[in-house]
Each structure stands twice: as structure tokens, then as C-alpha cells.
Amino acid sequence: MGASTKEKGVLKLVHPGRHIEYHRTSIAAGEIMRKNPRHSITRPDFFKHPNTVVCPESVMVPGQVFYIIPSTTIHRWVKAKSQQLGQSSSQQIASRNTSGYKHDSKQKSPSSG
């Protein structure tokens, strides 16, 4: 059974190093954040979708899995992802500008001839 496997009636919080904290009742994300300063809570798909960081006001309920990740890791990951997206979009623009037909200034128009 992996760390991200869901179980009914159990809230799993996966800490760095794969330590798993179990809760059988709902708990506010802010309470977990107070116990783990300089950490944030994310959904398991954070590294695919970096916008899945949990707000301190959110209530986590049994049957869910969350990761507790150092805030520095989140900042580095989001920064790297945004730079990667910026580079890929500028590469796409450059490839659009260089693809297609080439303009030849010496080409005669159909009306002159």
C-alpha cells in the first residue's frame, strides 16, 4: 500500500521522509501548519499541478491524503515551473516566427510582369 492510497475513515498526512500521520477526525490545515512551521500542505498531485496548496482555513476530512512539504521546496518548484513555462512559450513563439513560408523581397507580384 503506497503513501497516497486512500482509506475510508482515515486522514493521512505524509511528512518529508515518508512518515505518515493518521487522523480519524477532521482537522483544520492551519492546526497542522502550526505544528509544522515553515511547511505547507499540498494535495498528492502538487508536482503535476503546483496550484494544489491547501489554505490554512481548509478542513481536511478522513478519506483524504495530503503531503506536508517544506515551504522552500514549494517556492523553488513553483519558480522552476514558471520559468519552464516562460521558456517553452518563448520557444513556441520563436518557432512560429521561423516556420511557414519565407518572404522573398525579390519576388514579383502577379500584376507586374
PDB file of N, CA and C in Angstrom:
ATOM      1  N   MET A   1       0.847  -1.171   0.000  1.00  0.00           N
ATOM      2  CA  MET A   1       0.000   0.000   0.000  1.00  0.00           C
ATOM      3  C   MET A   1       0.891   1.231   0.000  1.00  0.00           C
ATOM      4  N   GLY A   2       0.705   2.119  -0.977  1.00  0.00           N
ATOM      5  CA  GLY A   2       1.516   3.319  -1.094  1.00  0.00           C
ATOM      6  C   GLY A   2       1.039   4.420  -0.177  1.00  0.00           C
ATOM      7  N   ALA A   3       1.831   5.467  -0.094  1.00  0.00           N
ATOM      8  CA  ALA A   3       1.519   6.587   0.797  1.00  0.00           C
ATOM      9  C   ALA A   3       0.292   7.357   0.334  1.00  0.00           C
ATOM     10  N   SER A   4      -0.033   7.287  -0.947  1.00  0.00           N
ATOM     11  CA  SER A   4      -1.159   8.062  -1.444  1.00  0.00           C
ATOM     12  C   SER A   4      -2.439   7.233  -1.552  1.00  0.00           C
ATOM     13  N   THR A   5      -2.444   6.013  -1.047  1.00  0.00           N
ATOM     14  CA  THR A   5      -3.634   5.170  -1.085  1.00  0.00           C
ATOM     15  C   THR A   5      -4.679   5.722  -0.130  1.00  0.00           C
ATOM     16  N   LYS A   6      -5.912   5.829  -0.609  1.00  0.00           N
ATOM     17  CA  LYS A   6      -6.994   6.347   0.227  1.00  0.00           C
ATOM     18  C   LYS A   6      -7.606   5.214   1.041  1.00  0.00           C
ATOM     19  N   GLU A   7      -7.929   5.497   2.281  1.00  0.00           N
ATOM     20  CA  GLU A   7      -8.640   4.565   3.138  1.00  0.00           C
ATOM     21  C   GLU A   7      -9.821   5.303   3.728  1.00  0.00           C
ATOM     22  N   LYS A   8     -10.954   4.628   3.762  1.00  0.00           N
ATOM     23  CA  LYS A   8     -12.139   5.248   4.354  1.00  0.00           C
ATOM     24  C   LYS A   8     -11.925   5.425   5.852  1.00  0.00           C
ATOM     25  N   GLY A   9     -12.325   6.580   6.349  1.00  0.00           N
ATOM     26  CA  GLY A   9     -12.262   6.816   7.773  1.00  0.00           C
ATOM     27  C   GLY A   9     -10.909   7.230   8.309  1.00  0.00           C
ATOM     28  N   VAL A  10      -9.904   7.389   7.425  1.00  0.00           N
ATOM     29  CA  VAL A  10      -8.570   7.756   7.890  1.00  0.00           C
ATOM     30  C   VAL A  10      -8.039   8.913   7.042  1.00  0.00           C
ATOM     31  N   LEU A  11      -7.611   9.968   7.705  1.00  0.00           N
ATOM     32  CA  LEU A  11      -6.939  11.084   7.053  1.00  0.00           C
ATOM     33  C   LEU A  11      -5.445  10.830   7.167  1.00  0.00           C
ATOM     34  N   LYS A  12      -4.749  10.844   6.039  1.00  0.00           N
ATOM     35  CA  LYS A  12      -3.304  10.588   6.049  1.00  0.00           C
ATOM     36  C   LYS A  12      -2.559  11.868   5.713  1.00  0.00           C
ATOM     37  N   LEU A  13      -1.565  12.177   6.516  1.00  0.00           N
ATOM     38  CA  LEU A  13      -0.681  13.311   6.269  1.00  0.00           C
ATOM     39  C   LEU A  13       0.723  12.736   6.091  1.00  0.00           C
ATOM     40  N   VAL A  14       1.266  12.875   4.902  1.00  0.00           N
ATOM     41  CA  VAL A  14       2.578  12.314   4.591  1.00  0.00           C
ATOM     42  C   VAL A  14       3.628  13.397   4.788  1.00  0.00           C
ATOM     43  N   HIS A  15       4.530  13.155   5.723  1.00  0.00           N
ATOM     44  CA  HIS A  15       5.599  14.091   6.053  1.00  0.00           C
ATOM     45  C   HIS A  15       6.819  13.817   5.163  1.00  0.00           C
ATOM     46  N   PRO A  16       7.762  14.783   5.100  1.00  0.00           N
ATOM     47  CA  PRO A  16       9.021  14.504   4.406  1.00  0.00           C
ATOM     48  C   PRO A  16       9.665  13.256   5.022  1.00  0.00           C
ATOM     49  N   GLY A  17      10.244  12.436   4.192  1.00  0.00           N
ATOM     50  CA  GLY A  17      10.835  11.190   4.679  1.00  0.00           C
ATOM     51  C   GLY A  17       9.823  10.063   4.741  1.00  0.00           C
ATOM     52  N   ARG A  18       8.611  10.316   4.242  1.00  0.00           N
ATOM     53  CA  ARG A  18       7.543   9.313   4.146  1.00  0.00           C
ATOM     54  C   ARG A  18       6.917   8.896   5.475  1.00  0.00           C
ATOM     55  N   HIS A  19       7.181   9.648   6.558  1.00  0.00           N
ATOM     56  CA  HIS A  19       6.478   9.375   7.817  1.00  0.00           C
ATOM     57  C   HIS A  19       5.012   9.737   7.595  1.00  0.00           C
ATOM     58  N   ILE A  20       4.104   8.869   8.009  1.00  0.00           N
ATOM     59  CA  ILE A  20       2.672   9.114   7.799  1.00  0.00           C
ATOM     60  C   ILE A  20       1.996   9.335   9.143  1.00  0.00           C
ATOM     61  N   GLU A  21       1.243  10.435   9.213  1.00  0.00           N
ATOM     62  CA  GLU A  21       0.464  10.783  10.406  1.00  0.00           C
ATOM     63  C   GLU A  21      -1.002  10.469  10.089  1.00  0.00           C
ATOM     64  N   TYR A  22      -1.662   9.720  10.972  1.00  0.00           N
ATOM     65  CA  TYR A  22      -3.045   9.307  10.752  1.00  0.00           C
ATOM     66  C   TYR A  22      -3.980  10.068  11.683  1.00  0.00           C
ATOM     67  N   HIS A  23      -5.153  10.446  11.148  1.00  0.00           N
ATOM     68  CA  HIS A  23      -6.195  11.100  11.940  1.00  0.00           C
ATOM     69  C   HIS A  23      -7.525  10.443  11.587  1.00  0.00           C
ATOM     70  N   ARG A  24      -8.331  10.222  12.582  1.00  0.00           N
ATOM     71  CA  ARG A  24      -9.654   9.617  12.352  1.00  0.00           C
ATOM     72  C   ARG A  24     -10.773  10.666  12.391  1.00  0.00           C
ATOM     73  N   THR A  25     -10.419  11.904  12.698  1.00  0.00           N
ATOM     74  CA  THR A  25     -11.398  13.000  12.715  1.00  0.00           C
ATOM     75  C   THR A  25     -10.908  14.122  11.801  1.00  0.00           C
ATOM     76  N   SER A  26     -11.815  15.014  11.458  1.00  0.00           N
ATOM     77  CA  SER A  26     -11.456  16.168  10.628  1.00  0.00           C
ATOM     78  C   SER A  26     -10.509  17.074  11.396  1.00  0.00           C
ATOM     79  N   ILE A  27      -9.658  17.768  10.648  1.00  0.00           N
ATOM     80  CA  ILE A  27      -8.704  18.678  11.286  1.00  0.00           C
ATOM     81  C   ILE A  27      -8.434  19.848  10.338  1.00  0.00           C
ATOM     82  N   ALA A  28      -8.282  21.027  10.919  1.00  0.00           N
ATOM     83  CA  ALA A  28      -8.002  22.220  10.110  1.00  0.00           C
ATOM     84  C   ALA A  28      -6.552  22.193   9.641  1.00  0.00           C
ATOM     85  N   ALA A  29      -6.332  22.609   8.412  1.00  0.00           N
ATOM     86  CA  ALA A  29      -4.980  22.638   7.858  1.00  0.00           C
ATOM     87  C   ALA A  29      -4.090  23.574   8.670  1.00  0.00           C
ATOM     88  N   GLY A  30      -4.648  24.665   9.154  1.00  0.00           N
ATOM     89  CA  GLY A  30      -3.889  25.621   9.958  1.00  0.00           C
ATOM     90  C   GLY A  30      -3.311  24.999  11.217  1.00  0.00           C
ATOM     91  N   GLU A  31      -4.036  24.065  11.807  1.00  0.00           N
ATOM     92  CA  GLU A  31      -3.551  23.392  13.016  1.00  0.00           C
ATOM     93  C   GLU A  31      -2.300  22.561  12.695  1.00  0.00           C
ATOM     94  N   ILE A  32      -2.321  21.877  11.580  1.00  0.00           N
ATOM     95  CA  ILE A  32      -1.165  21.080  11.161  1.00  0.00           C
ATOM     96  C   ILE A  32       0.004  22.007  10.813  1.00  0.00           C
ATOM     97  N   MET A  33      -0.293  23.135  10.189  1.00  0.00           N
ATOM     98  CA  MET A  33       0.757  24.087   9.823  1.00  0.00           C
ATOM     99  C   MET A  33       1.412  24.695  11.064  1.00  0.00           C
ATOM    100  N   ARG A  34       0.629  24.916  12.126  1.00  0.00           N
ATOM    101  CA  ARG A  34       1.207  25.432  13.375  1.00  0.00           C
ATOM    102  C   ARG A  34       2.161  24.412  13.994  1.00  0.00           C
ATOM    103  N   LYS A  35       1.838  23.140  13.855  1.00  0.00           N
ATOM    104  CA  LYS A  35       2.703  22.078  14.382  1.00  0.00           C
ATOM    105  C   LYS A  35       3.946  21.870  13.521  1.00  0.00           C
ATOM    106  N   ASN A  36       3.888  22.319  12.272  1.00  0.00           N
ATOM    107  CA  ASN A  36       4.989  22.144  11.316  1.00  0.00           C
ATOM    108  C   ASN A  36       5.348  23.481  10.688  1.00  0.00           C
ATOM    109  N   PRO A  37       6.028  24.356  11.443  1.00  0.00           N
ATOM    110  CA  PRO A  37       6.368  25.679  10.892  1.00  0.00           C
ATOM    111  C   PRO A  37       7.237  25.546   9.639  1.00  0.00           C
ATOM    112  N   ARG A  38       7.102  26.523   8.762  1.00  0.00           N
ATOM    113  CA  ARG A  38       7.855  26.578   7.509  1.00  0.00           C
ATOM    114  C   ARG A  38       7.522  25.416   6.572  1.00  0.00           C
ATOM    115  N   HIS A  39       6.334  24.842   6.737  1.00  0.00           N
ATOM    116  CA  HIS A  39       5.844  23.777   5.864  1.00  0.00           C
ATOM    117  C   HIS A  39       4.460  24.165   5.359  1.00  0.00           C
ATOM    118  N   SER A  40       4.084  23.597   4.231  1.00  0.00           N
ATOM    119  CA  SER A  40       2.744  23.794   3.685  1.00  0.00           C
ATOM    120  C   SER A  40       2.130  22.426   3.443  1.00  0.00           C
ATOM    121  N   ILE A  41       0.834  22.416   3.240  1.00  0.00           N
ATOM    122  CA  ILE A  41       0.114  21.174   2.973  1.00  0.00           C
ATOM    123  C   ILE A  41      -0.351  21.207   1.528  1.00  0.00           C
ATOM    124  N   THR A  42      -0.107  20.113   0.832  1.00  0.00           N
ATOM    125  CA  THR A  42      -0.486  20.036  -0.579  1.00  0.00           C
ATOM    126  C   THR A  42      -1.261  18.753  -0.838  1.00  0.00           C
ATOM    127  N   ARG A  43      -1.918  18.733  -1.964  1.00  0.00           N
ATOM    128  CA  ARG A  43      -2.561  17.504  -2.429  1.00  0.00           C
ATOM    129  C   ARG A  43      -1.476  16.640  -3.067  1.00  0.00           C
ATOM    130  N   PRO A  44      -1.730  15.349  -3.222  1.00  0.00           N
ATOM    131  CA  PRO A  44      -0.710  14.455  -3.789  1.00  0.00           C
ATOM    132  C   PRO A  44      -0.269  14.822  -5.204  1.00  0.00           C
ATOM    133  N   ASP A  45      -1.106  15.530  -5.958  1.00  0.00           N
ATOM    134  CA  ASP A  45      -0.744  15.871  -7.338  1.00  0.00           C
ATOM    135  C   ASP A  45      -0.027  17.222  -7.454  1.00  0.00           C
ATOM    136  N   PHE A  46       0.550  17.716  -6.355  1.00  0.00           N
ATOM    137  CA  PHE A  46       1.214  19.022  -6.351  1.00  0.00           C
ATOM    138  C   PHE A  46       2.289  19.130  -7.427  1.00  0.00           C
ATOM    139  N   PHE A  47       3.092  18.091  -7.621  1.00  0.00           N
ATOM    140  CA  PHE A  47       4.203  18.189  -8.554  1.00  0.00           C
ATOM    141  C   PHE A  47       3.746  18.147 -10.017  1.00  0.00           C
ATOM    142  N   LYS A  48       2.492  17.815 -10.246  1.00  0.00           N
ATOM    143  CA  LYS A  48       1.916  17.931 -11.586  1.00  0.00           C
ATOM    144  C   LYS A  48       1.161  19.244 -11.737  1.00  0.00           C
ATOM    145  N   HIS A  49       0.508  19.656 -10.662  1.00  0.00           N
ATOM    146  CA  HIS A  49      -0.307  20.874 -10.656  1.00  0.00           C
ATOM    147  C   HIS A  49       0.060  21.700  -9.423  1.00  0.00           C
ATOM    148  N   PRO A  50       1.037  22.597  -9.537  1.00  0.00           N
ATOM    149  CA  PRO A  50       1.524  23.339  -8.366  1.00  0.00           C
ATOM    150  C   PRO A  50       0.511  24.244  -7.684  1.00  0.00           C
ATOM    151  N   ASN A  51      -0.669  24.369  -8.227  1.00  0.00           N
ATOM    152  CA  ASN A  51      -1.662  25.234  -7.584  1.00  0.00           C
ATOM    153  C   ASN A  51      -2.525  24.468  -6.584  1.00  0.00           C
ATOM    154  N   THR A  52      -2.048  23.298  -6.115  1.00  0.00           N
ATOM    155  CA  THR A  52      -2.849  22.484  -5.208  1.00  0.00           C
ATOM    156  C   THR A  52      -2.377  22.588  -3.761  1.00  0.00           C
ATOM    157  N   VAL A  53      -1.923  23.762  -3.363  1.00  0.00           N
ATOM    158  CA  VAL A  53      -1.528  24.009  -1.973  1.00  0.00           C
ATOM    159  C   VAL A  53      -2.801  24.299  -1.182  1.00  0.00           C
ATOM    160  N   VAL A  54      -2.898  23.722   0.009  1.00  0.00           N
ATOM    161  CA  VAL A  54      -4.095  23.842   0.839  1.00  0.00           C
ATOM    162  C   VAL A  54      -4.023  25.099   1.692  1.00  0.00           C
ATOM    163  N   CYS A  55      -5.122  25.838   1.763  1.00  0.00           N
ATOM    164  CA  CYS A  55      -5.226  27.048   2.595  1.00  0.00           C
ATOM    165  C   CYS A  55      -5.339  26.655   4.063  1.00  0.00           C
ATOM    166  N   PRO A  56      -4.805  27.480   4.970  1.00  0.00           N
ATOM    167  CA  PRO A  56      -4.893  27.178   6.399  1.00  0.00           C
ATOM    168  C   PRO A  56      -6.338  27.043   6.906  1.00  0.00           C
ATOM    169  N   GLU A  57      -7.278  27.711   6.244  1.00  0.00           N
ATOM    170  CA  GLU A  57      -8.681  27.658   6.667  1.00  0.00           C
ATOM    171  C   GLU A  57      -9.369  26.370   6.245  1.00  0.00           C
ATOM    172  N   SER A  58      -8.766  25.603   5.350  1.00  0.00           N
ATOM    173  CA  SER A  58      -9.382  24.377   4.845  1.00  0.00           C
ATOM    174  C   SER A  58      -9.465  23.321   5.943  1.00  0.00           C
ATOM    175  N   VAL A  59     -10.515  22.537   5.872  1.00  0.00           N
ATOM    176  CA  VAL A  59     -10.688  21.432   6.809  1.00  0.00           C
ATOM    177  C   VAL A  59     -10.454  20.132   6.040  1.00  0.00           C
ATOM    178  N   MET A  60      -9.525  19.341   6.548  1.00  0.00           N
ATOM    179  CA  MET A  60      -9.206  18.063   5.927  1.00  0.00           C
ATOM    180  C   MET A  60     -10.011  16.985   6.632  1.00  0.00           C
ATOM    181  N   VAL A  61     -10.630  16.122   5.845  1.00  0.00           N
ATOM    182  CA  VAL A  61     -11.526  15.111   6.409  1.00  0.00           C
ATOM    183  C   VAL A  61     -10.983  13.709   6.167  1.00  0.00           C
ATOM    184  N   PRO A  62     -11.384  12.759   6.997  1.00  0.00           N
ATOM    185  CA  PRO A  62     -10.949  11.377   6.784  1.00  0.00           C
ATOM    186  C   PRO A  62     -11.304  10.883   5.377  1.00  0.00           C
ATOM    187  N   GLY A  63     -10.438  10.043   4.840  1.00  0.00           N
ATOM    188  CA  GLY A  63     -10.601   9.548   3.479  1.00  0.00           C
ATOM    189  C   GLY A  63      -9.731  10.299   2.488  1.00  0.00           C
ATOM    190  N   GLN A  64      -9.005  11.309   2.945  1.00  0.00           N
ATOM    191  CA  GLN A  64      -8.143  12.115   2.088  1.00  0.00           C
ATOM    192  C   GLN A  64      -6.681  11.890   2.444  1.00  0.00           C
ATOM    193  N   VAL A  65      -5.807  12.220   1.484  1.00  0.00           N
ATOM    194  CA  VAL A  65      -4.359  12.133   1.674  1.00  0.00           C
ATOM    195  C   VAL A  65      -3.767  13.488   1.318  1.00  0.00           C
ATOM    196  N   PHE A  66      -2.875  13.981   2.160  1.00  0.00           N
ATOM    197  CA  PHE A  66      -2.191  15.251   1.913  1.00  0.00           C
ATOM    198  C   PHE A  66      -0.709  15.087   2.205  1.00  0.00           C
ATOM    199  N   TYR A  67       0.110  15.913   1.572  1.00  0.00           N
ATOM    200  CA  TYR A  67       1.552  15.906   1.809  1.00  0.00           C
ATOM    201  C   TYR A  67       1.934  17.170   2.562  1.00  0.00           C
ATOM    202  N   ILE A  68       2.850  17.030   3.496  1.00  0.00           N
ATOM    203  CA  ILE A  68       3.406  18.172   4.202  1.00  0.00           C
ATOM    204  C   ILE A  68       4.784  18.398   3.606  1.00  0.00           C
ATOM    205  N   ILE A  69       4.947  19.558   2.954  1.00  0.00           N
ATOM    206  CA  ILE A  69       6.162  19.840   2.179  1.00  0.00           C
ATOM    207  C   ILE A  69       6.796  21.126   2.701  1.00  0.00           C
ATOM    208  N   PRO A  70       8.128  21.165   2.832  1.00  0.00           N
ATOM    209  CA  PRO A  70       8.781  22.414   3.240  1.00  0.00           C
ATOM    210  C   PRO A  70       8.415  23.552   2.280  1.00  0.00           C
ATOM    211  N   SER A  71       8.142  24.705   2.835  1.00  0.00           N
ATOM    212  CA  SER A  71       7.753  25.867   2.015  1.00  0.00           C
ATOM    213  C   SER A  71       8.830  26.234   1.002  1.00  0.00           C
ATOM    214  N   THR A  72      10.105  26.046   1.360  1.00  0.00           N
ATOM    215  CA  THR A  72      11.181  26.356   0.414  1.00  0.00           C
ATOM    216  C   THR A  72      11.099  25.460  -0.823  1.00  0.00           C
ATOM    217  N   THR A  73      10.726  24.215  -0.633  1.00  0.00           N
ATOM    218  CA  THR A  73      10.575  23.295  -1.765  1.00  0.00           C
ATOM    219  C   THR A  73       9.458  23.769  -2.681  1.00  0.00           C
ATOM    220  N   ILE A  74       8.361  24.202  -2.093  1.00  0.00           N
ATOM    221  CA  ILE A  74       7.226  24.689  -2.889  1.00  0.00           C
ATOM    222  C   ILE A  74       7.621  25.927  -3.677  1.00  0.00           C
ATOM    223  N   HIS A  75       8.303  26.873  -3.027  1.00  0.00           N
ATOM    224  CA  HIS A  75       8.716  28.095  -3.726  1.00  0.00           C
ATOM    225  C   HIS A  75       9.667  27.771  -4.873  1.00  0.00           C
ATOM    226  N   ARG A  76      10.636  26.891  -4.625  1.00  0.00           N
ATOM    227  CA  ARG A  76      11.575  26.513  -5.690  1.00  0.00           C
ATOM    228  C   ARG A  76      10.855  25.830  -6.839  1.00  0.00           C
ATOM    229  N   TRP A  77       9.921  24.945  -6.533  1.00  0.00           N
ATOM    230  CA  TRP A  77       9.206  24.189  -7.569  1.00  0.00           C
ATOM    231  C   TRP A  77       8.342  25.133  -8.419  1.00  0.00           C
ATOM    232  N   VAL A  78       7.617  26.034  -7.769  1.00  0.00           N
ATOM    233  CA  VAL A  78       6.762  26.970  -8.499  1.00  0.00           C
ATOM    234  C   VAL A  78       7.614  27.894  -9.365  1.00  0.00           C
ATOM    235  N   LYS A  79       8.731  28.370  -8.833  1.00  0.00           N
ATOM    236  CA  LYS A  79       9.620  29.248  -9.598  1.00  0.00           C
ATOM    237  C   LYS A  79      10.184  28.509 -10.818  1.00  0.00           C
ATOM    238  N   ALA A  80      10.643  27.280 -10.620  1.00  0.00           N
ATOM    239  CA  ALA A  80      11.190  26.496 -11.736  1.00  0.00           C
ATOM    240  C   ALA A  80      10.113  26.213 -12.769  1.00  0.00           C
ATOM    241  N   LYS A  81       8.905  25.904 -12.324  1.00  0.00           N
ATOM    242  CA  LYS A  81       7.802  25.604 -13.241  1.00  0.00           C
ATOM    243  C   LYS A  81       7.434  26.844 -14.051  1.00  0.00           C
ATOM    244  N   SER A  82       7.392  28.011 -13.402  1.00  0.00           N
ATOM    245  CA  SER A  82       7.037  29.232 -14.130  1.00  0.00           C
ATOM    246  C   SER A  82       8.127  29.615 -15.120  1.00  0.00           C
ATOM    247  N   GLN A  83       9.397  29.404 -14.752  1.00  0.00           N
ATOM    248  CA  GLN A  83      10.477  29.671 -15.695  1.00  0.00           C
ATOM    249  C   GLN A  83      10.410  28.702 -16.871  1.00  0.00           C
ATOM    250  N   GLN A  84      10.091  27.455 -16.582  1.00  0.00           N
ATOM    251  CA  GLN A  84       9.975  26.449 -17.641  1.00  0.00           C
ATOM    252  C   GLN A  84       8.839  26.825 -18.594  1.00  0.00           C
ATOM    253  N   LEU A  85       7.716  27.265 -18.045  1.00  0.00           N
ATOM    254  CA  LEU A  85       6.598  27.678 -18.887  1.00  0.00           C
ATOM    255  C   LEU A  85       6.960  28.914 -19.697  1.00  0.00           C
ATOM    256  N   GLY A  86       7.689  29.838 -19.098  1.00  0.00           N
ATOM    257  CA  GLY A  86       8.118  31.036 -19.816  1.00  0.00           C
ATOM    258  C   GLY A  86       9.043  30.707 -20.963  1.00  0.00           C
ATOM    259  N   GLN A  87       9.957  29.785 -20.751  1.00  0.00           N
ATOM    260  CA  GLN A  87      10.880  29.380 -21.808  1.00  0.00           C
ATOM    261  C   GLN A  87      10.152  28.640 -22.911  1.00  0.00           C
ATOM    262  N   SER A  88       9.233  27.755 -22.553  1.00  0.00           N
ATOM    263  CA  SER A  88       8.542  26.978 -23.578  1.00  0.00           C
ATOM    264  C   SER A  88       7.638  27.876 -24.415  1.00  0.00           C
ATOM    265  N   SER A  89       7.009  28.894 -23.804  1.00  0.00           N
ATOM    266  CA  SER A  89       6.162  29.785 -24.592  1.00  0.00           C
ATOM    267  C   SER A  89       7.001  30.681 -25.494  1.00  0.00           C
ATOM    268  N   SER A  90       8.179  31.105 -25.039  1.00  0.00           N
ATOM    269  CA  SER A  90       9.032  31.917 -25.914  1.00  0.00           C
ATOM    270  C   SER A  90       9.607  31.064 -27.042  1.00  0.00           C
ATOM    271  N   GLN A  91       9.874  29.784 -26.774  1.00  0.00           N
ATOM    272  CA  GLN A  91      10.344  28.883 -27.825  1.00  0.00           C
ATOM    273  C   GLN A  91       9.236  28.646 -28.847  1.00  0.00           C
ATOM    274  N   GLN A  92       7.983  28.541 -28.392  1.00  0.00           N
ATOM    275  CA  GLN A  92       6.865  28.352 -29.306  1.00  0.00           C
ATOM    276  C   GLN A  92       6.706  29.573 -30.196  1.00  0.00           C
ATOM    277  N   ILE A  93       6.843  30.755 -29.630  1.00  0.00           N
ATOM    278  CA  ILE A  93       6.722  31.986 -30.416  1.00  0.00           C
ATOM    279  C   ILE A  93       7.839  32.043 -31.447  1.00  0.00           C
ATOM    280  N   ALA A  94       9.060  31.711 -31.055  1.00  0.00           N
ATOM    281  CA  ALA A  94      10.187  31.729 -31.975  1.00  0.00           C
ATOM    282  C   ALA A  94       9.982  30.719 -33.097  1.00  0.00           C
ATOM    283  N   SER A  95       9.465  29.541 -32.771  1.00  0.00           N
ATOM    284  CA  SER A  95       9.262  28.535 -33.806  1.00  0.00           C
ATOM    285  C   SER A  95       8.146  28.949 -34.761  1.00  0.00           C
ATOM    286  N   ARG A  96       7.128  29.669 -34.261  1.00  0.00           N
ATOM    287  CA  ARG A  96       6.069  30.167 -35.147  1.00  0.00           C
ATOM    288  C   ARG A  96       6.613  31.232 -36.094  1.00  0.00           C
ATOM    289  N   ASN A  97       7.516  32.063 -35.591  1.00  0.00           N
ATOM    290  CA  ASN A  97       8.076  33.123 -36.423  1.00  0.00           C
ATOM    291  C   ASN A  97       8.997  32.579 -37.502  1.00  0.00           C
ATOM    292  N   THR A  98       9.651  31.460 -37.253  1.00  0.00           N
ATOM    293  CA  THR A  98      10.587  30.918 -38.238  1.00  0.00           C
ATOM    294  C   THR A  98       9.969  29.855 -39.115  1.00  0.00           C
ATOM    295  N   SER A  99       8.781  29.350 -38.762  1.00  0.00           N
ATOM    296  CA  SER A  99       8.150  28.330 -39.595  1.00  0.00           C
ATOM    297  C   SER A  99       7.259  28.988 -40.634  1.00  0.00           C
ATOM    298  N   GLY A 100       6.740  28.178 -41.535  1.00  0.00           N
ATOM    299  CA  GLY A 100       5.855  28.707 -42.562  1.00  0.00           C
ATOM    300  C   GLY A 100       6.662  29.141 -43.783  1.00  0.00           C
ATOM    301  N   TYR A 101       6.083  30.027 -44.566  1.00  0.00           N
ATOM    302  CA  TYR A 101       6.766  30.444 -45.790  1.00  0.00           C
ATOM    303  C   TYR A 101       7.788  31.522 -45.496  1.00  0.00           C
ATOM    304  N   LYS A 102       8.766  31.625 -46.379  1.00  0.00           N
ATOM    305  CA  LYS A 102       9.767  32.679 -46.266  1.00  0.00           C
ATOM    306  C   LYS A 102       9.423  33.773 -47.266  1.00  0.00           C
ATOM    307  N   HIS A 103       9.559  34.975 -46.840  1.00  0.00           N
ATOM    308  CA  HIS A 103       9.254  36.115 -47.694  1.00  0.00           C
ATOM    309  C   HIS A 103      10.482  36.440 -48.537  1.00  0.00           C
ATOM    310  N   ASP A 104      10.297  36.492 -49.825  1.00  0.00           N
ATOM    311  CA  ASP A 104      11.382  36.828 -50.737  1.00  0.00           C
ATOM    312  C   ASP A 104      11.083  38.209 -51.308  1.00  0.00           C
ATOM    313  N   SER A 105      11.899  39.183 -50.967  1.00  0.00           N
ATOM    314  CA  SER A 105      11.645  40.558 -51.409  1.00  0.00           C
ATOM    315  C   SER A 105      11.860  40.729 -52.905  1.00  0.00           C
ATOM    316  N   LYS A 106      12.546  39.792 -53.563  1.00  0.00           N
ATOM    317  CA  LYS A 106      12.804  39.897 -54.996  1.00  0.00           C
ATOM    318  C   LYS A 106      11.676  39.305 -55.825  1.00  0.00           C
ATOM    319  N   GLN A 107      10.709  38.659 -55.165  1.00  0.00           N
ATOM    320  CA  GLN A 107       9.627  38.011 -55.885  1.00  0.00           C
ATOM    321  C   GLN A 107       8.738  39.078 -56.510  1.00  0.00           C
ATOM    322  N   LYS A 108       8.325  38.864 -57.765  1.00  0.00           N
ATOM    323  CA  LYS A 108       7.473  39.830 -58.468  1.00  0.00           C
ATOM    324  C   LYS A 108       6.016  39.556 -58.161  1.00  0.00           C
ATOM    325  N   SER A 109       5.236  40.608 -58.106  1.00  0.00           N
ATOM    326  CA  SER A 109       3.807  40.449 -57.891  1.00  0.00           C
ATOM    327  C   SER A 109       3.153  40.013 -59.192  1.00  0.00           C
ATOM    328  N   PRO A 110       1.977  39.352 -59.142  1.00  0.00           N
ATOM    329  CA  PRO A 110       1.305  38.866 -60.339  1.00  0.00           C
ATOM    330  C   PRO A 110       0.916  39.984 -61.307  1.00  0.00           C
ATOM    331  N   SER A 111       0.690  41.211 -60.817  1.00  0.00           N
ATOM    332  CA  SER A 111       0.260  42.284 -61.698  1.00  0.00           C
ATOM    333  C   SER A 111       1.418  42.835 -62.543  1.00  0.00           C
ATOM    334  N   SER A 112       2.658  42.741 -62.019  1.00  0.00           N
ATOM    335  CA  SER A 112       3.783  43.225 -62.826  1.00  0.00           C
ATOM    336  C   SER A 112       4.329  42.076 -63.630  1.00  0.00           C
ATOM    337  N   GLY A 113       4.553  42.183 -64.767  1.00  0.00           N
ATOM    338  CA  GLY A 113       5.013  41.039 -65.392  1.00  0.00           C
ATOM    339  C   GLY A 113       5.316  40.870 -66.692  1.00  0.00           C
TER     340      GLY A 113
END
